[in-house]
Amino acid sequence: MTRPLAMKRSISIGLLCASLWSVGLQLVVVQPAAAQVVKGLPDFTELVEQVGPSVVNIRTLEKAAAREVQGNEPDAEMQEFFRRFFGVPLPTPNMPRQQRPNRGQPEEAQPKGVGSGFILSADGFVMTNAHVVDGADQVVVTLPDKREFKARIVGSDKRTDVAVVKIDATGLPAVKVGDVSRLKVGEWVMAIGSPFGLDNSVTAGIVSAKQRDTGDYLPFIQTDVAINPGNSGGPLINMRGEVVGINSQIYSRSGGFMGISFAIPIDEAVRVSEQLRATGKVQRGRLGVQIDQVSKEVAESLGLSKAQGALVRGVEQGSPAEKAGLEPGDIILKFEGKTIEKSSDLPRMVGNTKPGTRSAIQVWRRGSVKEMHITVGEFESEKPVKKASAPDKSSSDAVAKVLGLTVSELTDAQKKELKLRGGVRVDAVAEPASRAGIQEGDVILALANIETPNVQVLETLTAKLDRSKPVSLLVRRGEWAQYTVIRPAR
């Protein structure tokens, strides 16, 4: 009977081993060691013992007319939940007229919201979120040992959502501040806070991403650590027991935790807190420009090697940018020698610059690099956009056929109002211009990276276009300008 192949091999190996043993040789079978990537789940108990005493509960109160509290009225935790994650107050049930607040009665403090915080220094400075203490008449800080203190709001910055409050206490256990630059995606982190008012609750997870843009002033640390209402303002802690962020926001479609939470990087928060402690407010630099992202198509059409920088859509009147000579359509590539990879980098760089500082910037303008200097101003509210006046019509047939635009010359009054030397006004839009997002009332400033001071120049440039390739168009809308890419009709 024929033996199976595996059996034959085992007999052969056995005979070979026996032969080697008989001559005094020993056969050693070596198996390759598998690389152990994950060594095991972390133990957070020591971290909790180390950092837990530094984490506080924060309750806020506001003055309101005395009233009889009904059993079906929303509690402070749920109010904070709706206000923070839905942006609206929690609807309250209709109360009988006799149970509604009596405006004639003396004011008394009523619960407003709950949150968390952590001790910055032994002499009683506590960091939290700005939205936790926003609008509060009283702030009460409760330590893990159950001692309560009335806190004074030292300062609050809504743009970064950072606030500092002070309690009259000494010898407090302050947190250790970590280095965010050492934080790695995939690293274990832990949060301690008071979700729904439950003091000293611990949750853990990993860092999901860094430098996450959410439309806010700062880049966030994204984690999958469970964060719920009441966790706001609490610390995000690394495995060395250091605070690396302030838990601030969640992403949710239902209002509950869905595995995505965001924390303010501690280095940015500390920078803000130092100004708040020194002056009670934050000074932030500004240029006075409205910016946009540089798309791949725009970069290619302008001759940029890659899509980077901040596209200047508009320049405010009398702003530092206008005084420095910046123009709509410029692309700011560097600020103080630092490359601007995406448009959101610029306001962060400028915002961290002291007002009055003379800074170097590098600009891409009409196919070439231009070095400039600008004196950074102090941040202020943006000015409203003005609307253009009605046009005088003088359409161009070639522009209409190739670009889908009916255009006219700008009047002297319109040039003065928009502070333009020239340009061509859009009176009507058809394909392909409508597909590119151009609207009636827009002003065309450049085509194919060449200025269009009047209809004749636009007509000439349009006639020379290669209709098989997309072309860039610099368009002014109100006080702001932007590039768009249009594919000419063939």
Protein backbone atom coordinates (compact mmCIF):
# COMPACT_ATOMS: atom_id res chain seq x y z
CA MET A 1 0.00 0.00 0.00
CA THR A 2 1.32 3.44 -0.92
CA ARG A 3 1.85 5.70 2.06
CA PRO A 4 0.70 9.29 1.92
CA LEU A 5 3.37 11.87 1.09
CA ALA A 6 3.26 13.48 4.55
CA MET A 7 3.84 10.08 6.20
CA LYS A 8 6.83 9.40 3.93
CA ARG A 9 8.37 12.74 4.88
CA SER A 10 7.92 12.10 8.60
CA ILE A 11 9.61 8.66 8.35
CA SER A 12 12.49 10.16 6.35
CA ILE A 13 13.03 12.95 8.90
CA GLY A 14 12.88 10.39 11.73
CA LEU A 15 15.55 8.18 10.11
CA LEU A 16 17.73 11.26 9.51
CA CYS A 17 17.47 12.30 13.16
CA ALA A 18 18.33 8.77 14.30
CA SER A 19 21.40 8.72 12.05
CA LEU A 20 22.65 12.07 13.30
CA TRP A 21 22.10 11.04 16.93
CA SER A 22 24.09 7.82 16.37
CA VAL A 23 27.17 9.79 15.30
CA GLY A 24 26.93 12.17 18.26
CA LEU A 25 25.23 15.08 16.52
CA GLN A 26 22.12 16.70 17.90
CA LEU A 27 19.48 18.17 15.60
CA VAL A 28 18.05 21.45 16.79
CA VAL A 29 14.87 22.68 15.10
CA VAL A 30 14.69 26.51 15.11
CA GLN A 31 11.33 28.18 14.55
CA PRO A 32 11.25 31.88 13.55
CA ALA A 33 9.96 34.15 16.34
CA ALA A 34 6.86 36.09 15.37
CA ALA A 35 7.15 39.85 15.89
CA GLN A 36 4.88 40.91 18.74
CA VAL A 37 3.32 44.21 17.63
CA VAL A 38 0.64 44.54 20.34
CA LYS A 39 1.90 43.65 23.82
CA GLY A 40 -1.46 43.81 25.54
CA LEU A 41 -4.11 46.23 26.70
CA PRO A 42 -2.96 49.06 28.96
CA ASP A 43 -3.77 49.37 32.64
CA PHE A 44 -5.14 52.84 33.43
CA THR A 45 -5.39 52.45 37.21
CA GLU A 46 -2.15 54.27 38.01
CA LEU A 47 -3.05 57.10 35.64
CA VAL A 48 -6.42 57.57 37.33
CA GLU A 49 -4.76 57.68 40.75
CA GLN A 50 -2.20 60.17 39.46
CA VAL A 51 -4.39 62.57 37.49
CA GLY A 52 -7.82 62.05 39.06
CA PRO A 53 -7.24 64.44 42.00
CA SER A 54 -6.57 67.27 39.50
CA VAL A 55 -9.89 66.94 37.63
CA VAL A 56 -12.82 69.04 38.86
CA ASN A 57 -16.54 69.29 38.31
CA ILE A 58 -17.88 72.69 37.23
CA ARG A 59 -21.47 73.82 37.77
CA THR A 60 -22.74 77.12 36.45
CA LEU A 61 -25.72 79.12 37.68
CA GLU A 62 -27.60 82.10 36.32
CA LYS A 63 -29.87 84.57 38.04
CA ALA A 64 -33.55 84.04 37.37
CA ALA A 65 -36.81 84.97 39.07
CA ALA A 66 -37.75 82.52 41.81
CA ARG A 67 -40.13 79.84 40.63
CA GLU A 68 -41.54 76.50 41.60
CA VAL A 69 -39.43 73.81 39.92
CA GLN A 70 -41.59 71.24 38.16
CA GLY A 71 -40.78 67.57 38.07
CA ASN A 72 -40.92 67.43 34.27
CA GLU A 73 -38.55 70.35 33.67
CA PRO A 74 -35.17 69.51 32.04
CA ASP A 75 -32.18 69.23 34.35
CA ALA A 76 -28.93 71.15 33.90
CA GLU A 77 -27.10 68.23 32.29
CA MET A 78 -29.69 67.83 29.54
CA GLN A 79 -29.82 71.60 28.97
CA GLU A 80 -26.06 71.66 28.47
CA PHE A 81 -26.35 68.68 26.12
CA PHE A 82 -28.82 70.39 23.80
CA ARG A 83 -27.10 73.76 23.94
CA ARG A 84 -23.65 72.37 23.07
CA PHE A 85 -24.40 69.63 20.56
CA PHE A 86 -27.57 70.91 18.89
CA GLY A 87 -26.98 74.66 19.26
CA VAL A 88 -30.46 75.30 20.63
CA PRO A 89 -31.96 75.28 24.12
CA LEU A 90 -33.92 72.22 25.16
CA PRO A 91 -37.65 72.89 24.59
CA THR A 92 -39.52 73.15 27.87
CA PRO A 93 -43.08 71.92 28.32
CA ASN A 94 -45.83 74.49 28.52
CA MET A 95 -46.46 75.48 32.13
CA PRO A 96 -49.68 76.87 33.55
CA ARG A 97 -49.56 80.64 33.86
CA GLN A 98 -49.48 80.56 37.67
CA GLN A 99 -46.35 78.33 37.61
CA ARG A 100 -44.30 80.48 35.23
CA PRO A 101 -41.47 82.69 36.54
CA ASN A 102 -42.71 85.75 38.36
CA ARG A 103 -40.66 88.71 37.17
CA GLY A 104 -41.60 90.67 40.26
CA GLN A 105 -39.93 88.23 42.66
CA PRO A 106 -36.29 88.63 43.74
CA GLU A 107 -33.63 86.95 41.60
CA GLU A 108 -31.98 83.76 42.74
CA ALA A 109 -29.36 81.50 41.19
CA GLN A 110 -30.71 78.62 39.10
CA PRO A 111 -28.72 75.74 37.57
CA LYS A 112 -27.52 76.55 34.04
CA GLY A 113 -25.07 73.85 33.00
CA VAL A 114 -22.41 71.36 33.99
CA GLY A 115 -18.91 70.62 32.77
CA SER A 116 -15.44 69.56 33.77
CA GLY A 117 -12.06 71.19 34.22
CA PHE A 118 -8.58 70.55 35.54
CA ILE A 119 -6.20 72.35 37.88
CA LEU A 120 -3.48 74.29 36.08
CA SER A 121 -1.59 75.52 39.13
CA ALA A 122 -1.43 74.82 42.84
CA ASP A 123 -2.77 78.32 43.64
CA GLY A 124 -6.21 77.65 42.14
CA PHE A 125 -6.20 78.40 38.40
CA VAL A 126 -8.51 75.95 36.58
CA MET A 127 -8.83 75.42 32.82
CA THR A 128 -12.09 74.49 31.11
CA ASN A 129 -14.08 75.19 27.93
CA ALA A 130 -15.39 78.67 27.21
CA HIS A 131 -18.83 77.25 26.41
CA VAL A 132 -19.02 75.70 29.89
CA VAL A 133 -18.89 79.09 31.65
CA ASP A 134 -20.44 81.22 28.89
CA GLY A 135 -23.25 83.42 30.27
CA ALA A 136 -22.86 82.15 33.83
CA ASP A 137 -23.55 84.46 36.77
CA GLN A 138 -21.93 82.04 39.20
CA VAL A 139 -19.40 79.24 38.75
CA VAL A 140 -19.03 76.50 41.36
CA VAL A 141 -15.97 74.22 41.28
CA THR A 142 -16.12 70.90 43.14
CA LEU A 143 -12.88 69.07 43.86
CA PRO A 144 -12.63 65.26 43.98
CA ASP A 145 -12.43 65.49 47.80
CA LYS A 146 -15.93 67.11 47.66
CA ARG A 147 -14.75 70.60 48.65
CA GLU A 148 -16.71 73.32 46.81
CA PHE A 149 -15.50 76.77 45.83
CA LYS A 150 -17.12 79.74 44.14
CA ALA A 151 -14.92 80.54 41.14
CA ARG A 152 -14.10 83.80 39.40
CA ILE A 153 -13.93 83.79 35.59
CA VAL A 154 -10.46 85.10 34.77
CA GLY A 155 -11.03 85.12 31.02
CA SER A 156 -12.78 83.29 28.22
CA ASP A 157 -11.96 82.99 24.52
CA LYS A 158 -14.83 81.73 22.35
CA ARG A 159 -12.72 81.30 19.23
CA THR A 160 -10.58 78.61 20.82
CA ASP A 161 -13.24 77.55 23.36
CA VAL A 162 -10.77 77.97 26.22
CA ALA A 163 -11.53 79.57 29.59
CA VAL A 164 -9.67 80.01 32.88
CA VAL A 165 -11.39 80.32 36.26
CA LYS A 166 -9.82 80.96 39.69
CA ILE A 167 -10.71 79.52 43.08
CA ASP A 168 -9.34 80.65 46.46
CA ALA A 169 -7.31 77.61 47.41
CA THR A 170 -3.66 76.64 47.70
CA GLY A 171 -1.65 73.43 47.65
CA LEU A 172 -3.80 71.94 44.90
CA PRO A 173 -2.56 69.02 42.73
CA ALA A 174 -1.81 70.54 39.31
CA VAL A 175 -1.71 68.49 36.11
CA LYS A 176 1.41 67.84 34.06
CA VAL A 177 1.24 69.38 30.59
CA GLY A 178 2.34 67.07 27.76
CA ASP A 179 4.00 67.63 24.39
CA VAL A 180 1.38 67.39 21.63
CA SER A 181 4.07 67.01 18.96
CA ARG A 182 4.98 63.62 20.50
CA LEU A 183 1.38 62.41 20.37
CA LYS A 184 0.92 59.69 17.74
CA VAL A 185 -2.12 58.42 15.90
CA GLY A 186 -3.08 55.07 17.41
CA GLU A 187 -1.72 55.98 20.84
CA TRP A 188 -3.83 55.18 23.90
CA VAL A 189 -5.40 58.16 25.70
CA MET A 190 -7.80 58.59 28.60
CA ALA A 191 -10.44 61.14 29.60
CA ILE A 192 -11.68 62.02 33.06
CA GLY A 193 -14.76 64.17 33.57
CA SER A 194 -18.32 64.47 34.78
CA PRO A 195 -20.62 63.16 32.02
CA PHE A 196 -24.24 63.92 32.93
CA GLY A 197 -22.93 65.15 36.30
CA LEU A 198 -21.35 61.78 37.22
CA ASP A 199 -18.12 62.92 38.86
CA ASN A 200 -14.73 61.37 38.11
CA SER A 201 -15.86 59.12 35.27
CA VAL A 202 -13.03 57.57 33.27
CA THR A 203 -13.16 56.58 29.59
CA ALA A 204 -10.35 55.52 27.27
CA GLY A 205 -9.57 55.02 23.60
CA ILE A 206 -6.98 55.87 20.98
CA VAL A 207 -5.97 58.94 18.99
CA SER A 208 -7.84 58.65 15.68
CA ALA A 209 -6.26 61.64 13.92
CA LYS A 210 -4.32 64.85 14.53
CA GLN A 211 -4.65 68.31 12.99
CA ARG A 212 -8.32 67.66 12.25
CA ASP A 213 -10.05 70.67 10.71
CA THR A 214 -13.64 71.14 11.84
CA GLY A 215 -14.12 74.75 10.77
CA ASP A 216 -12.93 76.09 14.09
CA TYR A 217 -9.93 78.28 14.76
CA LEU A 218 -7.77 75.40 16.01
CA PRO A 219 -6.81 71.98 14.61
CA PHE A 220 -8.32 69.32 16.84
CA ILE A 221 -7.13 65.98 18.16
CA GLN A 222 -9.68 63.34 17.10
CA THR A 223 -10.17 60.33 19.37
CA ASP A 224 -12.67 57.52 19.91
CA VAL A 225 -12.76 58.19 23.66
CA ALA A 226 -16.37 58.27 24.88
CA ILE A 227 -17.28 61.92 25.52
CA ASN A 228 -20.74 63.00 26.65
CA PRO A 229 -22.37 66.17 28.01
CA GLY A 230 -20.52 67.15 31.16
CA ASN A 231 -17.16 65.90 29.85
CA SER A 232 -16.61 69.29 28.18
CA GLY A 233 -13.54 71.01 29.60
CA GLY A 234 -12.02 67.85 31.06
CA PRO A 235 -8.50 66.64 30.25
CA LEU A 236 -7.34 64.21 27.58
CA ILE A 237 -4.43 62.31 29.11
CA ASN A 238 -1.63 60.27 27.52
CA MET A 239 -0.07 57.11 29.00
CA ARG A 240 2.61 59.19 30.76
CA GLY A 241 -0.06 60.91 32.83
CA GLU A 242 0.27 64.20 30.92
CA VAL A 243 -2.59 66.35 29.65
CA VAL A 244 -2.44 66.63 25.86
CA GLY A 245 -5.85 68.18 25.17
CA ILE A 246 -9.16 69.57 26.44
CA ASN A 247 -12.20 67.49 25.51
CA SER A 248 -14.48 69.89 23.69
CA GLN A 249 -16.77 68.47 20.99
CA ILE A 250 -18.27 65.31 19.52
CA TYR A 251 -19.55 64.40 16.08
CA SER A 252 -23.06 63.00 16.29
CA ARG A 253 -26.13 62.53 14.13
CA SER A 254 -28.25 61.42 17.06
CA GLY A 255 -26.94 63.71 19.80
CA GLY A 256 -25.24 60.80 21.57
CA PHE A 257 -21.65 59.62 21.37
CA MET A 258 -20.86 57.92 18.04
CA GLY A 259 -17.16 57.16 18.37
CA ILE A 260 -15.79 60.51 17.22
CA SER A 261 -14.73 63.15 19.72
CA PHE A 262 -12.46 66.18 19.48
CA ALA A 263 -10.01 67.74 21.91
CA ILE A 264 -8.26 71.12 21.82
CA PRO A 265 -4.47 70.60 21.69
CA ILE A 266 -3.01 71.56 25.06
CA ASP A 267 -0.16 73.64 23.60
CA GLU A 268 -2.68 75.95 21.92
CA ALA A 269 -4.85 76.01 25.04
CA VAL A 270 -1.91 76.92 27.30
CA ARG A 271 -0.91 79.74 24.95
CA VAL A 272 -4.42 81.15 25.21
CA SER A 273 -4.60 80.62 28.98
CA GLU A 274 -1.39 82.56 29.53
CA GLN A 275 -2.90 85.60 27.81
CA LEU A 276 -6.15 85.20 29.71
CA ARG A 277 -4.31 85.09 33.03
CA ALA A 278 -2.19 88.10 32.09
CA THR A 279 -4.80 90.42 30.57
CA GLY A 280 -8.17 88.66 30.73
CA LYS A 281 -8.41 88.56 26.93
CA VAL A 282 -6.60 87.19 23.90
CA GLN A 283 -4.82 89.38 21.38
CA ARG A 284 -4.92 87.82 17.94
CA GLY A 285 -3.21 88.95 14.76
CA ARG A 286 -5.08 89.62 11.53
CA LEU A 287 -4.32 90.50 7.92
CA GLY A 288 -7.75 91.62 6.73
CA VAL A 289 -8.24 89.11 3.92
CA GLN A 290 -10.84 86.53 3.09
CA ILE A 291 -9.19 83.31 1.95
CA ASP A 292 -10.12 80.06 0.28
CA GLN A 293 -8.54 76.70 -0.44
CA VAL A 294 -6.41 76.28 -3.59
CA SER A 295 -7.90 73.40 -5.57
CA LYS A 296 -5.85 71.11 -7.79
CA GLU A 297 -7.45 72.53 -10.92
CA VAL A 298 -6.72 76.12 -9.90
CA ALA A 299 -3.12 75.24 -9.03
CA GLU A 300 -2.59 73.60 -12.43
CA SER A 301 -4.19 76.47 -14.31
CA LEU A 302 -1.95 79.01 -12.52
CA GLY A 303 1.26 77.05 -12.94
CA LEU A 304 1.69 76.02 -9.29
CA SER A 305 3.54 72.74 -8.81
CA LYS A 306 0.95 71.55 -6.29
CA ALA A 307 -2.26 72.66 -4.60
CA GLN A 308 -1.08 74.59 -1.57
CA GLY A 309 -1.32 78.03 -0.02
CA ALA A 310 -4.22 80.34 0.76
CA LEU A 311 -6.13 81.98 -2.08
CA VAL A 312 -6.96 85.63 -1.36
CA ARG A 313 -10.60 86.15 -2.29
CA GLY A 314 -10.86 89.67 -0.96
CA VAL A 315 -8.94 92.43 0.79
CA GLU A 316 -10.60 94.66 3.39
CA GLN A 317 -10.44 98.39 2.94
CA GLY A 318 -7.79 100.00 5.14
CA SER A 319 -6.56 96.59 6.38
CA PRO A 320 -2.92 95.55 6.86
CA ALA A 321 -3.27 93.44 3.71
CA GLU A 322 -4.36 96.41 1.60
CA LYS A 323 -1.52 98.56 2.96
CA ALA A 324 0.97 95.80 2.14
CA GLY A 325 -0.30 95.59 -1.46
CA LEU A 326 -2.07 92.23 -1.37
CA GLU A 327 -4.66 91.79 -4.13
CA PRO A 328 -7.61 89.47 -4.75
CA GLY A 329 -6.32 86.46 -6.65
CA ASP A 330 -2.97 86.35 -4.85
CA ILE A 331 -2.00 83.02 -3.33
CA ILE A 332 -0.09 83.32 -0.05
CA LEU A 333 2.49 80.51 -0.04
CA LYS A 334 4.50 81.29 3.09
CA PHE A 335 4.14 83.32 6.27
CA GLU A 336 7.30 84.10 8.23
CA GLY A 337 9.12 81.40 6.27
CA LYS A 338 6.59 78.69 7.13
CA THR A 339 4.89 76.94 4.22
CA ILE A 340 1.10 77.16 4.10
CA GLU A 341 0.01 73.66 3.10
CA LYS A 342 -3.72 74.45 3.32
CA SER A 343 -5.64 77.68 3.69
CA SER A 344 -6.58 77.04 7.33
CA ASP A 345 -2.88 77.20 8.26
CA LEU A 346 -2.74 80.95 7.55
CA PRO A 347 -5.24 82.27 10.15
CA ARG A 348 -3.60 80.07 12.80
CA MET A 349 -0.14 81.40 11.98
CA VAL A 350 -1.33 84.99 11.84
CA GLY A 351 -3.53 84.60 14.90
CA ASN A 352 -0.54 83.48 16.97
CA THR A 353 1.47 86.52 15.83
CA LYS A 354 1.57 89.57 18.10
CA PRO A 355 -0.25 92.56 16.56
CA GLY A 356 2.24 95.14 15.28
CA THR A 357 4.76 92.53 14.15
CA ARG A 358 6.29 93.12 10.70
CA SER A 359 6.13 89.74 8.99
CA ALA A 360 7.47 88.39 5.71
CA ILE A 361 5.07 86.70 3.30
CA GLN A 362 5.57 84.95 -0.01
CA VAL A 363 2.88 85.41 -2.66
CA TRP A 364 2.16 83.76 -6.01
CA ARG A 365 0.86 86.44 -8.36
CA ARG A 366 0.17 85.89 -12.06
CA GLY A 367 2.75 83.19 -12.58
CA SER A 368 5.61 84.38 -10.41
CA VAL A 369 6.67 84.51 -6.76
CA LYS A 370 6.60 87.87 -4.99
CA GLU A 371 8.22 88.57 -1.60
CA MET A 372 6.36 91.08 0.56
CA HIS A 373 6.21 92.40 4.13
CA ILE A 374 3.09 93.08 6.14
CA THR A 375 2.50 94.64 9.56
CA VAL A 376 0.08 92.34 11.38
CA GLY A 377 -3.00 94.07 12.78
CA GLU A 378 -5.20 93.13 15.72
CA PHE A 379 -8.20 90.90 15.09
CA GLU A 380 -11.55 92.59 14.64
CA SER A 381 -14.92 91.76 13.12
CA GLU A 382 -15.10 91.47 9.35
CA LYS A 383 -16.85 94.17 7.41
CA PRO A 384 -20.04 93.47 5.45
CA VAL A 385 -19.87 92.82 1.75
CA LYS A 386 -21.10 95.59 -0.54
CA LYS A 387 -23.32 94.90 -3.52
CA ALA A 388 -22.48 96.10 -7.00
CA SER A 389 -24.61 98.67 -8.81
CA ALA A 390 -26.66 98.00 -11.95
CA PRO A 391 -24.62 97.66 -15.18
CA ASP A 392 -24.47 99.41 -18.52
CA LYS A 393 -24.70 96.64 -21.11
CA SER A 394 -22.31 96.10 -24.03
CA SER A 395 -22.15 92.38 -24.67
CA SER A 396 -19.46 90.42 -26.53
CA ASP A 397 -20.42 87.66 -29.02
CA ALA A 398 -17.17 85.65 -28.73
CA VAL A 399 -17.27 85.66 -24.94
CA ALA A 400 -20.90 84.54 -25.04
CA LYS A 401 -20.21 81.65 -27.44
CA VAL A 402 -17.01 80.32 -25.84
CA LEU A 403 -17.55 81.09 -22.15
CA GLY A 404 -21.33 81.41 -21.96
CA LEU A 405 -21.15 84.97 -20.62
CA THR A 406 -22.92 88.19 -21.50
CA VAL A 407 -20.68 90.99 -20.24
CA SER A 408 -20.40 94.77 -20.08
CA GLU A 409 -17.91 97.46 -19.13
CA LEU A 410 -17.71 98.67 -15.57
CA THR A 411 -18.84 102.24 -15.07
CA ASP A 412 -16.58 104.76 -13.35
CA ALA A 413 -18.95 104.71 -10.38
CA GLN A 414 -18.72 100.92 -10.12
CA LYS A 415 -14.92 101.02 -10.33
CA LYS A 416 -14.83 103.61 -7.57
CA GLU A 417 -17.24 101.64 -5.39
CA LEU A 418 -15.34 98.36 -5.82
CA LYS A 419 -11.91 100.11 -5.80
CA LEU A 420 -10.92 98.50 -9.10
CA ARG A 421 -8.80 99.86 -11.91
CA GLY A 422 -10.74 97.76 -14.37
CA GLY A 423 -12.75 94.60 -14.93
CA VAL A 424 -15.70 93.20 -16.88
CA ARG A 425 -19.15 92.83 -15.36
CA VAL A 426 -21.22 89.66 -15.90
CA ASP A 427 -24.79 90.50 -17.00
CA ALA A 428 -26.05 87.01 -17.86
CA VAL A 429 -24.77 83.44 -17.51
CA ALA A 430 -25.17 80.32 -19.65
CA GLU A 431 -23.18 77.10 -20.11
CA PRO A 432 -20.30 76.56 -19.51
CA ALA A 433 -20.01 79.59 -17.17
CA SER A 434 -23.02 78.57 -15.05
CA ARG A 435 -21.47 75.14 -14.50
CA ALA A 436 -18.33 76.89 -13.21
CA GLY A 437 -20.41 78.75 -10.61
CA ILE A 438 -20.25 82.22 -12.15
CA GLN A 439 -23.21 84.46 -11.32
CA GLU A 440 -24.83 87.59 -12.68
CA GLY A 441 -23.18 90.62 -11.09
CA ASP A 442 -19.74 89.01 -10.82
CA VAL A 443 -16.77 90.99 -12.14
CA ILE A 444 -14.14 89.19 -14.23
CA LEU A 445 -10.66 90.39 -13.23
CA ALA A 446 -8.46 87.93 -15.13
CA LEU A 447 -8.66 85.15 -17.70
CA ALA A 448 -5.89 82.56 -18.08
CA ASN A 449 -3.87 84.47 -15.46
CA ILE A 450 -3.97 87.70 -17.52
CA GLU A 451 -5.81 90.81 -16.30
CA THR A 452 -9.01 91.79 -18.13
CA PRO A 453 -9.42 95.56 -17.60
CA ASN A 454 -12.17 95.83 -20.24
CA VAL A 455 -14.39 93.86 -22.61
CA GLN A 456 -12.00 94.20 -25.56
CA VAL A 457 -9.14 92.51 -23.71
CA LEU A 458 -11.47 89.74 -22.54
CA GLU A 459 -12.67 89.27 -26.12
CA THR A 460 -9.09 89.01 -27.42
CA LEU A 461 -8.02 86.54 -24.75
CA THR A 462 -11.12 84.41 -25.30
CA ALA A 463 -10.43 84.17 -29.05
CA LYS A 464 -6.92 82.80 -28.34
CA LEU A 465 -8.04 80.10 -25.89
CA ASP A 466 -7.27 76.44 -26.49
CA ARG A 467 -10.84 75.12 -26.24
CA SER A 468 -9.66 71.61 -25.45
CA LYS A 469 -8.24 72.70 -22.07
CA PRO A 470 -9.83 74.19 -18.95
CA VAL A 471 -8.85 77.77 -18.12
CA SER A 472 -8.76 79.76 -14.89
CA LEU A 473 -11.00 82.75 -14.33
CA LEU A 474 -10.51 85.26 -11.49
CA VAL A 475 -13.92 86.53 -10.45
CA ARG A 476 -14.85 89.32 -8.01
CA ARG A 477 -18.12 88.92 -6.10
CA GLY A 478 -19.02 91.82 -3.83
CA GLU A 479 -15.79 92.65 -1.99
CA TRP A 480 -14.32 89.17 -2.41
CA ALA A 481 -12.60 87.41 -5.31
CA GLN A 482 -11.98 83.77 -6.13
CA TYR A 483 -10.56 81.59 -8.88
CA THR A 484 -12.79 79.23 -10.77
CA VAL A 485 -11.98 76.83 -13.60
CA ILE A 486 -14.10 76.94 -16.75
CA ARG A 487 -14.10 74.54 -19.69
CA PRO A 488 -14.66 76.53 -22.91
CA ALA A 489 -17.41 75.45 -25.31
CA ARG A 490 -15.98 73.85 -28.44
